[in-house]
Each structure stands twice: as structure tokens, then as C-alpha cells.
Amino acid sequence: MTVRLPAFAFALTCWTAAAGAFTGKCVLQVEGKTYLNGPCPIVLDKGGDFSIGVDEKTPSKFFAMVSLSDRPGVADGFWNGPDAEGHAHYPLGTLTRQGACWVNGNTKVCAMK
């Protein structure tokens, strides 16, 4: 399996070069705890990767990204961790798509317009 890890996975400042940014409804749940649930910035990349909770104007304390793999409906997730660090270097594992959300047994990342 080849996983594309976007350049913005580790550098917050690179997220601004995305294909589209807007405010939407975000959900970030990790190991039973909810870190985001409501309006937040969503940034879409041209290839389908996206981030929630990050942009230059209205950043959230917590943020996450979903990086699509070469398999349809499968992605890898990363977030800035329970201590709200400045880089999304904590892996969320392999995620599968369920509607507007990407999930696994421990994680739920949702981005809705």
C-alpha cells in the first residue's frame, strides 16, 4: 500500500495553499473525547485531502487532516494531539469514509459544508 502524505501534514504554514477554504461544521473525536464539534475552518486540497480546524484567520485549538490513500474510500488521519501542539504529527490511523466523516474504531473526523 502506498500512502500519500501531503506536504502540509507536518507544517501548519503550508495549509494555506489549498484548493478551497470555507467555514463548515467539523467534528473531531479521538478515543471517545470530542475535540471539535461545530463551526470551524475547512481547507480542501486539489487531490481530495483536507484539514479541519486550521486557517490563518480563524484557527481552532485542535486540528486534523485526512490524507487519501490510493485505495478508494481509505485515508490516513493526523492531528495535533490532546495538548494542541502546533503540528499534526499524531497519527489517527487508517480511516474509511462514512458520508461526510472518516472513521475507525478510535477516531471520527467530519467536514460538512
PDB file of N, CA and C in Angstrom:
ATOM      1  N   MET A   1       0.837  -1.177   0.000  1.00  0.00           N
ATOM      2  CA  MET A   1       0.000   0.000   0.000  1.00  0.00           C
ATOM      3  C   MET A   1       0.884   1.243   0.000  1.00  0.00           C
ATOM      4  N   THR A   2       0.580   2.158  -0.875  1.00  0.00           N
ATOM      5  CA  THR A   2       1.273   3.444  -0.920  1.00  0.00           C
ATOM      6  C   THR A   2       0.371   4.496  -0.315  1.00  0.00           C
ATOM      7  N   VAL A   3       0.893   5.243   0.647  1.00  0.00           N
ATOM      8  CA  VAL A   3       0.124   6.311   1.275  1.00  0.00           C
ATOM      9  C   VAL A   3       0.757   7.633   0.906  1.00  0.00           C
ATOM     10  N   ARG A   4      -0.047   8.518   0.334  1.00  0.00           N
ATOM     11  CA  ARG A   4       0.433   9.859   0.020  1.00  0.00           C
ATOM     12  C   ARG A   4       0.327  10.694   1.277  1.00  0.00           C
ATOM     13  N   LEU A   5       1.414  11.196   1.760  1.00  0.00           N
ATOM     14  CA  LEU A   5       1.391  12.086   2.904  1.00  0.00           C
ATOM     15  C   LEU A   5       1.623  13.489   2.388  1.00  0.00           C
ATOM     16  N   PRO A   6       0.611  14.360   2.492  1.00  0.00           N
ATOM     17  CA  PRO A   6       0.751  15.685   1.910  1.00  0.00           C
ATOM     18  C   PRO A   6       1.814  16.497   2.626  1.00  0.00           C
ATOM     19  N   ALA A   7       2.367  17.443   1.899  1.00  0.00           N
ATOM     20  CA  ALA A   7       3.411  18.290   2.457  1.00  0.00           C
ATOM     21  C   ALA A   7       2.924  19.040   3.675  1.00  0.00           C
ATOM     22  N   PHE A   8       1.606  19.332   3.743  1.00  0.00           N
ATOM     23  CA  PHE A   8       1.105  20.092   4.877  1.00  0.00           C
ATOM     24  C   PHE A   8       0.884  19.238   6.115  1.00  0.00           C
ATOM     25  N   ALA A   9       1.192  17.946   6.059  1.00  0.00           N
ATOM     26  CA  ALA A   9       0.946  17.084   7.202  1.00  0.00           C
ATOM     27  C   ALA A   9       1.736  17.489   8.436  1.00  0.00           C
ATOM     28  N   PHE A  10       2.849  18.119   8.246  1.00  0.00           N
ATOM     29  CA  PHE A  10       3.678  18.446   9.394  1.00  0.00           C
ATOM     30  C   PHE A  10       3.922  19.937   9.559  1.00  0.00           C
ATOM     31  N   ALA A  11       3.531  20.737   8.613  1.00  0.00           N
ATOM     32  CA  ALA A  11       3.792  22.172   8.705  1.00  0.00           C
ATOM     33  C   ALA A  11       2.507  22.955   8.571  1.00  0.00           C
ATOM     34  N   LEU A  12       2.108  23.589   9.621  1.00  0.00           N
ATOM     35  CA  LEU A  12       0.879  24.359   9.656  1.00  0.00           C
ATOM     36  C   LEU A  12       0.863  25.456   8.611  1.00  0.00           C
ATOM     37  N   THR A  13       1.963  26.080   8.350  1.00  0.00           N
ATOM     38  CA  THR A  13       2.014  27.208   7.436  1.00  0.00           C
ATOM     39  C   THR A  13       1.768  26.823   5.989  1.00  0.00           C
ATOM     40  N   CYS A  14       1.922  25.586   5.635  1.00  0.00           N
ATOM     41  CA  CYS A  14       1.741  25.164   4.246  1.00  0.00           C
ATOM     42  C   CYS A  14       0.279  24.937   3.893  1.00  0.00           C
ATOM     43  N   TRP A  15      -0.625  24.913   4.843  1.00  0.00           N
ATOM     44  CA  TRP A  15      -2.019  24.597   4.581  1.00  0.00           C
ATOM     45  C   TRP A  15      -2.734  25.679   3.808  1.00  0.00           C
ATOM     46  N   THR A  16      -2.174  26.850   3.708  1.00  0.00           N
ATOM     47  CA  THR A  16      -2.868  27.949   3.060  1.00  0.00           C
ATOM     48  C   THR A  16      -2.868  27.860   1.537  1.00  0.00           C
ATOM     49  N   ALA A  17      -2.108  26.966   0.958  1.00  0.00           N
ATOM     50  CA  ALA A  17      -2.034  26.850  -0.493  1.00  0.00           C
ATOM     51  C   ALA A  17      -3.028  25.821  -1.037  1.00  0.00           C
ATOM     52  N   ALA A  18      -4.105  25.614  -0.361  1.00  0.00           N
ATOM     53  CA  ALA A  18      -5.074  24.592  -0.747  1.00  0.00           C
ATOM     54  C   ALA A  18      -6.016  25.088  -1.830  1.00  0.00           C
ATOM     55  N   ALA A  19      -6.798  24.147  -2.359  1.00  0.00           N
ATOM     56  CA  ALA A  19      -7.721  24.462  -3.443  1.00  0.00           C
ATOM     57  C   ALA A  19      -8.919  25.268  -2.974  1.00  0.00           C
ATOM     58  N   GLY A  20      -9.365  25.072  -1.741  1.00  0.00           N
ATOM     59  CA  GLY A  20     -10.523  25.805  -1.266  1.00  0.00           C
ATOM     60  C   GLY A  20     -10.587  25.830   0.246  1.00  0.00           C
ATOM     61  N   ALA A  21     -11.066  26.928   0.778  1.00  0.00           N
ATOM     62  CA  ALA A  21     -11.223  27.058   2.221  1.00  0.00           C
ATOM     63  C   ALA A  21     -12.575  27.682   2.517  1.00  0.00           C
ATOM     64  N   PHE A  22     -13.231  27.197   3.546  1.00  0.00           N
ATOM     65  CA  PHE A  22     -14.528  27.724   3.938  1.00  0.00           C
ATOM     66  C   PHE A  22     -14.782  27.346   5.390  1.00  0.00           C
ATOM     67  N   THR A  23     -15.774  27.970   5.989  1.00  0.00           N
ATOM     68  CA  THR A  23     -16.196  27.593   7.332  1.00  0.00           C
ATOM     69  C   THR A  23     -17.342  26.604   7.196  1.00  0.00           C
ATOM     70  N   GLY A  24     -17.220  25.512   7.895  1.00  0.00           N
ATOM     71  CA  GLY A  24     -18.247  24.480   7.869  1.00  0.00           C
ATOM     72  C   GLY A  24     -18.412  23.889   9.248  1.00  0.00           C
ATOM     73  N   LYS A  25     -19.143  22.790   9.320  1.00  0.00           N
ATOM     74  CA  LYS A  25     -19.291  22.082  10.591  1.00  0.00           C
ATOM     75  C   LYS A  25     -18.249  20.983  10.655  1.00  0.00           C
ATOM     76  N   CYS A  26     -17.503  20.956  11.743  1.00  0.00           N
ATOM     77  CA  CYS A  26     -16.432  19.983  11.921  1.00  0.00           C
ATOM     78  C   CYS A  26     -16.690  19.129  13.146  1.00  0.00           C
ATOM     79  N   VAL A  27     -16.249  17.893  13.067  1.00  0.00           N
ATOM     80  CA  VAL A  27     -16.250  17.003  14.217  1.00  0.00           C
ATOM     81  C   VAL A  27     -14.883  16.335  14.260  1.00  0.00           C
ATOM     82  N   LEU A  28     -14.272  16.362  15.441  1.00  0.00           N
ATOM     83  CA  LEU A  28     -13.036  15.624  15.684  1.00  0.00           C
ATOM     84  C   LEU A  28     -13.192  14.908  17.011  1.00  0.00           C
ATOM     85  N   GLN A  29     -13.285  13.585  16.937  1.00  0.00           N
ATOM     86  CA  GLN A  29     -13.372  12.755  18.127  1.00  0.00           C
ATOM     87  C   GLN A  29     -12.227  11.766  18.099  1.00  0.00           C
ATOM     88  N   VAL A  30     -11.518  11.668  19.217  1.00  0.00           N
ATOM     89  CA  VAL A  30     -10.387  10.749  19.327  1.00  0.00           C
ATOM     90  C   VAL A  30     -10.514  10.008  20.655  1.00  0.00           C
ATOM     91  N   GLU A  31     -10.547   8.698  20.570  1.00  0.00           N
ATOM     92  CA  GLU A  31     -10.626   7.823  21.737  1.00  0.00           C
ATOM     93  C   GLU A  31     -11.721   8.248  22.714  1.00  0.00           C
ATOM     94  N   GLY A  32     -12.909   8.507  22.172  1.00  0.00           N
ATOM     95  CA  GLY A  32     -14.065   8.818  22.983  1.00  0.00           C
ATOM     96  C   GLY A  32     -14.188  10.255  23.454  1.00  0.00           C
ATOM     97  N   LYS A  33     -13.220  11.101  23.160  1.00  0.00           N
ATOM     98  CA  LYS A  33     -13.281  12.504  23.569  1.00  0.00           C
ATOM     99  C   LYS A  33     -13.509  13.380  22.338  1.00  0.00           C
ATOM    100  N   THR A  34     -14.392  14.361  22.470  1.00  0.00           N
ATOM    101  CA  THR A  34     -14.695  15.276  21.376  1.00  0.00           C
ATOM    102  C   THR A  34     -13.837  16.525  21.513  1.00  0.00           C
ATOM    103  N   TYR A  35     -13.060  16.827  20.470  1.00  0.00           N
ATOM    104  CA  TYR A  35     -12.181  17.998  20.458  1.00  0.00           C
ATOM    105  C   TYR A  35     -12.752  19.136  19.615  1.00  0.00           C
ATOM    106  N   LEU A  36     -13.491  18.813  18.576  1.00  0.00           N
ATOM    107  CA  LEU A  36     -14.194  19.798  17.750  1.00  0.00           C
ATOM    108  C   LEU A  36     -15.600  19.281  17.496  1.00  0.00           C
ATOM    109  N   ASN A  37     -16.573  20.190  17.591  1.00  0.00           N
ATOM    110  CA  ASN A  37     -17.941  19.832  17.253  1.00  0.00           C
ATOM    111  C   ASN A  37     -18.707  21.126  17.011  1.00  0.00           C
ATOM    112  N   GLY A  38     -18.635  21.616  15.797  1.00  0.00           N
ATOM    113  CA  GLY A  38     -19.309  22.855  15.461  1.00  0.00           C
ATOM    114  C   GLY A  38     -18.605  23.565  14.330  1.00  0.00           C
ATOM    115  N   PRO A  39     -18.887  24.847  14.163  1.00  0.00           N
ATOM    116  CA  PRO A  39     -18.277  25.608  13.072  1.00  0.00           C
ATOM    117  C   PRO A  39     -16.759  25.670  13.215  1.00  0.00           C
ATOM    118  N   CYS A  40     -16.067  25.470  12.108  1.00  0.00           N
ATOM    119  CA  CYS A  40     -14.611  25.602  12.093  1.00  0.00           C
ATOM    120  C   CYS A  40     -14.136  25.723  10.645  1.00  0.00           C
ATOM    121  N   PRO A  41     -12.908  26.181  10.455  1.00  0.00           N
ATOM    122  CA  PRO A  41     -12.378  26.275   9.096  1.00  0.00           C
ATOM    123  C   PRO A  41     -12.088  24.893   8.511  1.00  0.00           C
ATOM    124  N   ILE A  42     -12.422  24.748   7.238  1.00  0.00           N
ATOM    125  CA  ILE A  42     -12.126  23.528   6.484  1.00  0.00           C
ATOM    126  C   ILE A  42     -11.326  23.936   5.262  1.00  0.00           C
ATOM    127  N   VAL A  43     -10.239  23.239   5.016  1.00  0.00           N
ATOM    128  CA  VAL A  43      -9.388  23.524   3.859  1.00  0.00           C
ATOM    129  C   VAL A  43      -9.310  22.269   3.002  1.00  0.00           C
ATOM    130  N   LEU A  44      -9.727  22.396   1.736  1.00  0.00           N
ATOM    131  CA  LEU A  44      -9.697  21.280   0.796  1.00  0.00           C
ATOM    132  C   LEU A  44      -8.510  21.405  -0.133  1.00  0.00           C
ATOM    133  N   ASP A  45      -7.817  20.313  -0.334  1.00  0.00           N
ATOM    134  CA  ASP A  45      -6.704  20.257  -1.266  1.00  0.00           C
ATOM    135  C   ASP A  45      -7.218  19.750  -2.612  1.00  0.00           C
ATOM    136  N   LYS A  46      -6.547  20.099  -3.671  1.00  0.00           N
ATOM    137  CA  LYS A  46      -6.975  19.693  -5.021  1.00  0.00           C
ATOM    138  C   LYS A  46      -7.119  18.184  -5.168  1.00  0.00           C
ATOM    139  N   GLY A  47      -6.284  17.414  -4.497  1.00  0.00           N
ATOM    140  CA  GLY A  47      -6.320  15.963  -4.629  1.00  0.00           C
ATOM    141  C   GLY A  47      -7.354  15.278  -3.754  1.00  0.00           C
ATOM    142  N   GLY A  48      -8.099  16.034  -2.941  1.00  0.00           N
ATOM    143  CA  GLY A  48      -9.111  15.451  -2.077  1.00  0.00           C
ATOM    144  C   GLY A  48      -8.732  15.410  -0.607  1.00  0.00           C
ATOM    145  N   ASP A  49      -7.446  15.584  -0.299  1.00  0.00           N
ATOM    146  CA  ASP A  49      -7.035  15.675   1.094  1.00  0.00           C
ATOM    147  C   ASP A  49      -7.688  16.915   1.703  1.00  0.00           C
ATOM    148  N   PHE A  50      -7.900  16.916   3.016  1.00  0.00           N
ATOM    149  CA  PHE A  50      -8.479  18.095   3.643  1.00  0.00           C
ATOM    150  C   PHE A  50      -8.018  18.216   5.086  1.00  0.00           C
ATOM    151  N   SER A  51      -8.181  19.404   5.624  1.00  0.00           N
ATOM    152  CA  SER A  51      -7.893  19.640   7.036  1.00  0.00           C
ATOM    153  C   SER A  51      -9.082  20.342   7.659  1.00  0.00           C
ATOM    154  N   ILE A  52      -9.248  20.141   8.947  1.00  0.00           N
ATOM    155  CA  ILE A  52     -10.281  20.849   9.696  1.00  0.00           C
ATOM    156  C   ILE A  52      -9.617  21.573  10.864  1.00  0.00           C
ATOM    157  N   GLY A  53     -10.138  22.736  11.171  1.00  0.00           N
ATOM    158  CA  GLY A  53      -9.662  23.471  12.330  1.00  0.00           C
ATOM    159  C   GLY A  53      -8.500  24.403  12.096  1.00  0.00           C
ATOM    160  N   VAL A  54      -8.053  24.538  10.842  1.00  0.00           N
ATOM    161  CA  VAL A  54      -6.857  25.351  10.587  1.00  0.00           C
ATOM    162  C   VAL A  54      -7.072  26.281   9.410  1.00  0.00           C
ATOM    163  N   ASP A  55      -6.810  27.540   9.623  1.00  0.00           N
ATOM    164  CA  ASP A  55      -6.555  28.523   8.582  1.00  0.00           C
ATOM    165  C   ASP A  55      -5.931  29.733   9.266  1.00  0.00           C
ATOM    166  N   GLU A  56      -5.468  30.664   8.487  1.00  0.00           N
ATOM    167  CA  GLU A  56      -4.741  31.801   9.060  1.00  0.00           C
ATOM    168  C   GLU A  56      -5.647  32.758   9.832  1.00  0.00           C
ATOM    169  N   LYS A  57      -6.911  32.862   9.447  1.00  0.00           N
ATOM    170  CA  LYS A  57      -7.798  33.862  10.044  1.00  0.00           C
ATOM    171  C   LYS A  57      -8.475  33.392  11.322  1.00  0.00           C
ATOM    172  N   THR A  58      -8.973  32.162  11.337  1.00  0.00           N
ATOM    173  CA  THR A  58      -9.735  31.678  12.481  1.00  0.00           C
ATOM    174  C   THR A  58      -9.306  30.269  12.889  1.00  0.00           C
ATOM    175  N   PRO A  59      -8.084  30.091  13.341  1.00  0.00           N
ATOM    176  CA  PRO A  59      -7.644  28.747  13.708  1.00  0.00           C
ATOM    177  C   PRO A  59      -8.357  28.244  14.959  1.00  0.00           C
ATOM    178  N   SER A  60      -8.576  26.948  15.005  1.00  0.00           N
ATOM    179  CA  SER A  60      -9.116  26.293  16.189  1.00  0.00           C
ATOM    180  C   SER A  60      -7.960  25.794  17.031  1.00  0.00           C
ATOM    181  N   LYS A  61      -8.240  25.529  18.282  1.00  0.00           N
ATOM    182  CA  LYS A  61      -7.207  24.983  19.168  1.00  0.00           C
ATOM    183  C   LYS A  61      -6.741  23.623  18.664  1.00  0.00           C
ATOM    184  N   PHE A  62      -7.692  22.808  18.220  1.00  0.00           N
ATOM    185  CA  PHE A  62      -7.380  21.474  17.717  1.00  0.00           C
ATOM    186  C   PHE A  62      -7.612  21.425  16.221  1.00  0.00           C
ATOM    187  N   PHE A  63      -6.811  20.632  15.530  1.00  0.00           N
ATOM    188  CA  PHE A  63      -6.985  20.477  14.099  1.00  0.00           C
ATOM    189  C   PHE A  63      -6.563  19.089  13.672  1.00  0.00           C
ATOM    190  N   ALA A  64      -7.066  18.688  12.513  1.00  0.00           N
ATOM    191  CA  ALA A  64      -6.770  17.366  11.972  1.00  0.00           C
ATOM    192  C   ALA A  64      -6.717  17.442  10.462  1.00  0.00           C
ATOM    193  N   MET A  65      -6.144  16.423   9.870  1.00  0.00           N
ATOM    194  CA  MET A  65      -6.114  16.317   8.424  1.00  0.00           C
ATOM    195  C   MET A  65      -6.394  14.889   8.005  1.00  0.00           C
ATOM    196  N   VAL A  66      -6.924  14.760   6.824  1.00  0.00           N
ATOM    197  CA  VAL A  66      -7.197  13.462   6.226  1.00  0.00           C
ATOM    198  C   VAL A  66      -6.468  13.433   4.893  1.00  0.00           C
ATOM    199  N   SER A  67      -5.627  12.426   4.728  1.00  0.00           N
ATOM    200  CA  SER A  67      -4.830  12.264   3.513  1.00  0.00           C
ATOM    201  C   SER A  67      -5.270  10.981   2.811  1.00  0.00           C
ATOM    202  N   LEU A  68      -5.850  11.141   1.617  1.00  0.00           N
ATOM    203  CA  LEU A  68      -6.364   9.995   0.882  1.00  0.00           C
ATOM    204  C   LEU A  68      -5.255   9.055   0.464  1.00  0.00           C
ATOM    205  N   SER A  69      -5.546   7.768   0.515  1.00  0.00           N
ATOM    206  CA  SER A  69      -4.597   6.776   0.015  1.00  0.00           C
ATOM    207  C   SER A  69      -4.922   6.503  -1.448  1.00  0.00           C
ATOM    208  N   ASP A  70      -4.232   5.576  -2.046  1.00  0.00           N
ATOM    209  CA  ASP A  70      -4.526   5.232  -3.433  1.00  0.00           C
ATOM    210  C   ASP A  70      -5.683   4.236  -3.537  1.00  0.00           C
ATOM    211  N   ARG A  71      -6.279   3.844  -2.412  1.00  0.00           N
ATOM    212  CA  ARG A  71      -7.445   2.959  -2.391  1.00  0.00           C
ATOM    213  C   ARG A  71      -8.704   3.795  -2.162  1.00  0.00           C
ATOM    214  N   PRO A  72      -9.724   3.643  -2.977  1.00  0.00           N
ATOM    215  CA  PRO A  72     -10.953   4.424  -2.815  1.00  0.00           C
ATOM    216  C   PRO A  72     -11.574   4.233  -1.432  1.00  0.00           C
ATOM    217  N   GLY A  73     -11.985   5.336  -0.823  1.00  0.00           N
ATOM    218  CA  GLY A  73     -12.655   5.280   0.466  1.00  0.00           C
ATOM    219  C   GLY A  73     -11.754   5.030   1.657  1.00  0.00           C
ATOM    220  N   VAL A  74     -10.433   5.102   1.446  1.00  0.00           N
ATOM    221  CA  VAL A  74      -9.471   4.854   2.524  1.00  0.00           C
ATOM    222  C   VAL A  74      -8.526   6.040   2.616  1.00  0.00           C
ATOM    223  N   ALA A  75      -8.209   6.428   3.851  1.00  0.00           N
ATOM    224  CA  ALA A  75      -7.322   7.568   4.076  1.00  0.00           C
ATOM    225  C   ALA A  75      -6.535   7.350   5.363  1.00  0.00           C
ATOM    226  N   ASP A  76      -5.560   8.191   5.573  1.00  0.00           N
ATOM    227  CA  ASP A  76      -4.827   8.241   6.831  1.00  0.00           C
ATOM    228  C   ASP A  76      -5.105   9.580   7.487  1.00  0.00           C
ATOM    229  N   GLY A  77      -5.223   9.570   8.796  1.00  0.00           N
ATOM    230  CA  GLY A  77      -5.502  10.798   9.515  1.00  0.00           C
ATOM    231  C   GLY A  77      -4.375  11.171  10.458  1.00  0.00           C
ATOM    232  N   PHE A  78      -4.261  12.459  10.713  1.00  0.00           N
ATOM    233  CA  PHE A  78      -3.274  13.012  11.643  1.00  0.00           C
ATOM    234  C   PHE A  78      -3.934  14.170  12.381  1.00  0.00           C
ATOM    235  N   TRP A  79      -3.482  14.455  13.599  1.00  0.00           N
ATOM    236  CA  TRP A  79      -3.997  15.609  14.328  1.00  0.00           C
ATOM    237  C   TRP A  79      -2.915  16.170  15.217  1.00  0.00           C
ATOM    238  N   ASN A  80      -3.226  17.290  15.868  1.00  0.00           N
ATOM    239  CA  ASN A  80      -2.214  17.963  16.679  1.00  0.00           C
ATOM    240  C   ASN A  80      -2.186  17.499  18.125  1.00  0.00           C
ATOM    241  N   GLY A  81      -2.925  16.479  18.457  1.00  0.00           N
ATOM    242  CA  GLY A  81      -2.819  15.824  19.748  1.00  0.00           C
ATOM    243  C   GLY A  81      -3.594  16.479  20.872  1.00  0.00           C
ATOM    244  N   PRO A  82      -3.709  15.769  21.988  1.00  0.00           N
ATOM    245  CA  PRO A  82      -4.504  16.250  23.116  1.00  0.00           C
ATOM    246  C   PRO A  82      -3.939  17.509  23.776  1.00  0.00           C
ATOM    247  N   ASP A  83      -2.676  17.801  23.526  1.00  0.00           N
ATOM    248  CA  ASP A  83      -2.064  19.014  24.086  1.00  0.00           C
ATOM    249  C   ASP A  83      -2.081  20.173  23.100  1.00  0.00           C
ATOM    250  N   ALA A  84      -2.804  20.024  21.987  1.00  0.00           N
ATOM    251  CA  ALA A  84      -2.974  21.082  20.975  1.00  0.00           C
ATOM    252  C   ALA A  84      -1.642  21.644  20.496  1.00  0.00           C
ATOM    253  N   GLU A  85      -0.761  20.763  20.062  1.00  0.00           N
ATOM    254  CA  GLU A  85       0.543  21.186  19.562  1.00  0.00           C
ATOM    255  C   GLU A  85       0.405  21.870  18.205  1.00  0.00           C
ATOM    256  N   GLY A  86       1.481  22.485  17.730  1.00  0.00           N
ATOM    257  CA  GLY A  86       1.449  23.267  16.511  1.00  0.00           C
ATOM    258  C   GLY A  86       1.555  22.474  15.222  1.00  0.00           C
ATOM    259  N   HIS A  87       1.789  21.164  15.291  1.00  0.00           N
ATOM    260  CA  HIS A  87       1.919  20.330  14.105  1.00  0.00           C
ATOM    261  C   HIS A  87       1.018  19.109  14.235  1.00  0.00           C
ATOM    262  N   ALA A  88       0.493  18.656  13.124  1.00  0.00           N
ATOM    263  CA  ALA A  88      -0.370  17.473  13.112  1.00  0.00           C
ATOM    264  C   ALA A  88       0.477  16.227  12.916  1.00  0.00           C
ATOM    265  N   HIS A  89       1.230  15.860  13.933  1.00  0.00           N
ATOM    266  CA  HIS A  89       2.115  14.711  13.799  1.00  0.00           C
ATOM    267  C   HIS A  89       1.646  13.482  14.585  1.00  0.00           C
ATOM    268  N   TYR A  90       0.473  13.560  15.193  1.00  0.00           N
ATOM    269  CA  TYR A  90      -0.085  12.402  15.873  1.00  0.00           C
ATOM    270  C   TYR A  90      -0.948  11.613  14.899  1.00  0.00           C
ATOM    271  N   PRO A  91      -0.589  10.361  14.614  1.00  0.00           N
ATOM    272  CA  PRO A  91      -1.390   9.582  13.668  1.00  0.00           C
ATOM    273  C   PRO A  91      -2.733   9.179  14.255  1.00  0.00           C
ATOM    274  N   LEU A  92      -3.754   9.249  13.422  1.00  0.00           N
ATOM    275  CA  LEU A  92      -5.082   8.786  13.783  1.00  0.00           C
ATOM    276  C   LEU A  92      -5.353   7.405  13.207  1.00  0.00           C
ATOM    277  N   GLY A  93      -4.444   6.919  12.383  1.00  0.00           N
ATOM    278  CA  GLY A  93      -4.586   5.602  11.785  1.00  0.00           C
ATOM    279  C   GLY A  93      -5.295   5.643  10.448  1.00  0.00           C
ATOM    280  N   THR A  94      -5.583   4.465   9.945  1.00  0.00           N
ATOM    281  CA  THR A  94      -6.297   4.319   8.684  1.00  0.00           C
ATOM    282  C   THR A  94      -7.779   4.584   8.927  1.00  0.00           C
ATOM    283  N   LEU A  95      -8.353   5.415   8.069  1.00  0.00           N
ATOM    284  CA  LEU A  95      -9.741   5.814   8.186  1.00  0.00           C
ATOM    285  C   LEU A  95     -10.522   5.371   6.953  1.00  0.00           C
ATOM    286  N   THR A  96     -11.794   5.084   7.129  1.00  0.00           N
ATOM    287  CA  THR A  96     -12.667   4.782   5.997  1.00  0.00           C
ATOM    288  C   THR A  96     -13.801   5.795   5.978  1.00  0.00           C
ATOM    289  N   ARG A  97     -14.273   6.061   4.792  1.00  0.00           N
ATOM    290  CA  ARG A  97     -15.288   7.095   4.621  1.00  0.00           C
ATOM    291  C   ARG A  97     -16.670   6.578   4.984  1.00  0.00           C
ATOM    292  N   GLN A  98     -17.374   7.402   5.749  1.00  0.00           N
ATOM    293  CA  GLN A  98     -18.783   7.162   6.059  1.00  0.00           C
ATOM    294  C   GLN A  98     -19.496   8.498   5.904  1.00  0.00           C
ATOM    295  N   GLY A  99     -20.024   8.759   4.717  1.00  0.00           N
ATOM    296  CA  GLY A  99     -20.671  10.035   4.427  1.00  0.00           C
ATOM    297  C   GLY A  99     -19.669  11.175   4.471  1.00  0.00           C
ATOM    298  N   ALA A 100     -19.937  12.177   5.295  1.00  0.00           N
ATOM    299  CA  ALA A 100     -19.041  13.329   5.411  1.00  0.00           C
ATOM    300  C   ALA A 100     -17.936  13.092   6.436  1.00  0.00           C
ATOM    301  N   CYS A 101     -17.860  11.877   6.967  1.00  0.00           N
ATOM    302  CA  CYS A 101     -16.889  11.570   8.019  1.00  0.00           C
ATOM    303  C   CYS A 101     -15.910  10.492   7.571  1.00  0.00           C
ATOM    304  N   TRP A 102     -14.766  10.497   8.214  1.00  0.00           N
ATOM    305  CA  TRP A 102     -13.745   9.471   8.048  1.00  0.00           C
ATOM    306  C   TRP A 102     -13.525   8.878   9.427  1.00  0.00           C
ATOM    307  N   VAL A 103     -13.651   7.547   9.541  1.00  0.00           N
ATOM    308  CA  VAL A 103     -13.704   6.927  10.863  1.00  0.00           C
ATOM    309  C   VAL A 103     -12.855   5.659  10.946  1.00  0.00           C
ATOM    310  N   ASN A 104     -12.546   5.301  12.175  1.00  0.00           N
ATOM    311  CA  ASN A 104     -12.048   3.977  12.535  1.00  0.00           C
ATOM    312  C   ASN A 104     -12.539   3.694  13.946  1.00  0.00           C
ATOM    313  N   GLY A 105     -12.049   2.676  14.602  1.00  0.00           N
ATOM    314  CA  GLY A 105     -12.524   2.311  15.920  1.00  0.00           C
ATOM    315  C   GLY A 105     -12.278   3.343  17.009  1.00  0.00           C
ATOM    316  N   ASN A 106     -11.338   4.257  16.778  1.00  0.00           N
ATOM    317  CA  ASN A 106     -10.973   5.257  17.788  1.00  0.00           C
ATOM    318  C   ASN A 106     -11.210   6.700  17.367  1.00  0.00           C
ATOM    319  N   THR A 107     -11.512   6.933  16.089  1.00  0.00           N
ATOM    320  CA  THR A 107     -11.464   8.284  15.548  1.00  0.00           C
ATOM    321  C   THR A 107     -12.650   8.585  14.653  1.00  0.00           C
ATOM    322  N   LYS A 108     -13.063   9.844  14.690  1.00  0.00           N
ATOM    323  CA  LYS A 108     -14.069  10.339  13.752  1.00  0.00           C
ATOM    324  C   LYS A 108     -13.663  11.762  13.352  1.00  0.00           C
ATOM    325  N   VAL A 109     -13.469  11.972  12.053  1.00  0.00           N
ATOM    326  CA  VAL A 109     -13.132  13.281  11.506  1.00  0.00           C
ATOM    327  C   VAL A 109     -14.194  13.620  10.465  1.00  0.00           C
ATOM    328  N   CYS A 110     -14.944  14.702  10.703  1.00  0.00           N
ATOM    329  CA  CYS A 110     -16.022  15.080   9.793  1.00  0.00           C
ATOM    330  C   CYS A 110     -15.835  16.515   9.323  1.00  0.00           C
ATOM    331  N   ALA A 111     -16.175  16.743   8.071  1.00  0.00           N
ATOM    332  CA  ALA A 111     -16.142  18.081   7.481  1.00  0.00           C
ATOM    333  C   ALA A 111     -17.390  18.239   6.626  1.00  0.00           C
ATOM    334  N   MET A 112     -18.285  19.127   7.069  1.00  0.00           N
ATOM    335  CA  MET A 112     -19.550  19.338   6.366  1.00  0.00           C
ATOM    336  C   MET A 112     -19.716  20.798   6.014  1.00  0.00           C
ATOM    337  N   LYS A 113     -20.170  21.063   4.811  1.00  0.00           N
ATOM    338  CA  LYS A 113     -20.343  22.444   4.348  1.00  0.00           C
ATOM    339  C   LYS A 113     -21.561  23.060   4.983  1.00  0.00           C
TER     340      LYS A 113
END
